[in-house]
Protein backbone atom coordinates (compact mmCIF):
# COMPACT_ATOMS: atom_id res chain seq x y z
CA MET A 1 -7.75 -1.46 -9.83
CA GLU A 2 -5.85 -3.24 -12.58
CA LYS A 3 -2.49 -2.55 -10.88
CA ILE A 4 -3.77 -4.01 -7.61
CA LEU A 5 -4.96 -7.19 -9.33
CA LYS A 6 -1.62 -7.51 -11.10
CA LEU A 7 0.17 -7.17 -7.75
CA PHE A 8 -1.90 -9.88 -6.07
CA ASN A 9 -1.44 -12.24 -9.02
CA SER A 10 2.35 -11.84 -9.06
CA GLU A 11 4.94 -13.95 -7.28
CA LEU A 12 5.94 -12.77 -3.78
CA LYS A 13 9.51 -11.55 -3.31
CA ILE A 14 10.25 -10.49 0.25
CA ILE A 15 13.10 -8.77 2.09
CA ASN A 16 13.00 -9.69 5.76
CA ILE A 17 14.73 -7.27 8.13
CA GLY A 18 15.37 -8.31 11.70
CA LEU A 19 13.76 -11.43 13.13
CA GLU A 20 15.16 -14.52 11.44
CA ILE A 21 12.16 -16.65 12.47
CA PHE A 22 10.03 -14.84 9.88
CA TYR A 23 12.64 -15.58 7.23
CA ARG A 24 12.71 -19.29 8.09
CA ASP A 25 8.91 -19.55 8.04
CA LEU A 26 8.75 -17.94 4.60
CA LYS A 27 11.50 -20.24 3.29
CA GLN A 28 9.53 -23.26 4.51
CA GLN A 29 6.60 -22.01 2.43
CA ARG A 30 8.91 -21.81 -0.61
CA ILE A 31 8.53 -18.03 -0.88
CA LYS A 32 11.41 -16.06 -2.39
CA VAL A 33 12.93 -14.20 0.55
CA ILE A 34 16.25 -12.74 1.61
CA HIS A 35 17.21 -11.98 5.18
CA VAL A 36 19.01 -8.86 6.42
CA ASN A 37 20.49 -9.39 9.86
CA TRP A 38 19.75 -6.00 11.42
CA GLN A 39 19.11 -4.74 14.89
CA PRO A 40 18.95 -1.22 16.31
CA SER A 41 22.04 0.23 17.90
CA PRO A 42 22.23 -0.48 21.62
CA VAL A 43 21.39 2.37 23.96
CA THR A 44 24.35 3.28 26.11
CA GLU A 45 24.18 4.41 29.71
CA LYS A 46 25.38 7.82 28.52
CA ASP A 47 22.37 8.04 26.19
CA LEU A 48 20.04 7.15 29.07
CA GLU A 49 21.69 9.69 31.36
CA ASP A 50 21.32 12.40 28.72
CA ALA A 51 17.63 11.51 28.19
CA LEU A 52 16.93 11.62 31.92
CA ARG A 53 18.75 14.94 32.25
CA ARG A 54 16.54 16.44 29.51
CA LEU A 55 13.41 15.27 31.35
CA THR A 56 14.30 17.09 34.58
């Protein structure tokens, strides 16, 4: 229980991955945050064709 209380009484430090709007909102609240501009790899038509072929 002591570790949990220590966690909730400590300063927030956040790594935001993906949506930049979350990063901006946290910055406006003066929370220490860094932003990682990440998005999943796009799915190619070949990938979709392969997935459909496996379904049939």
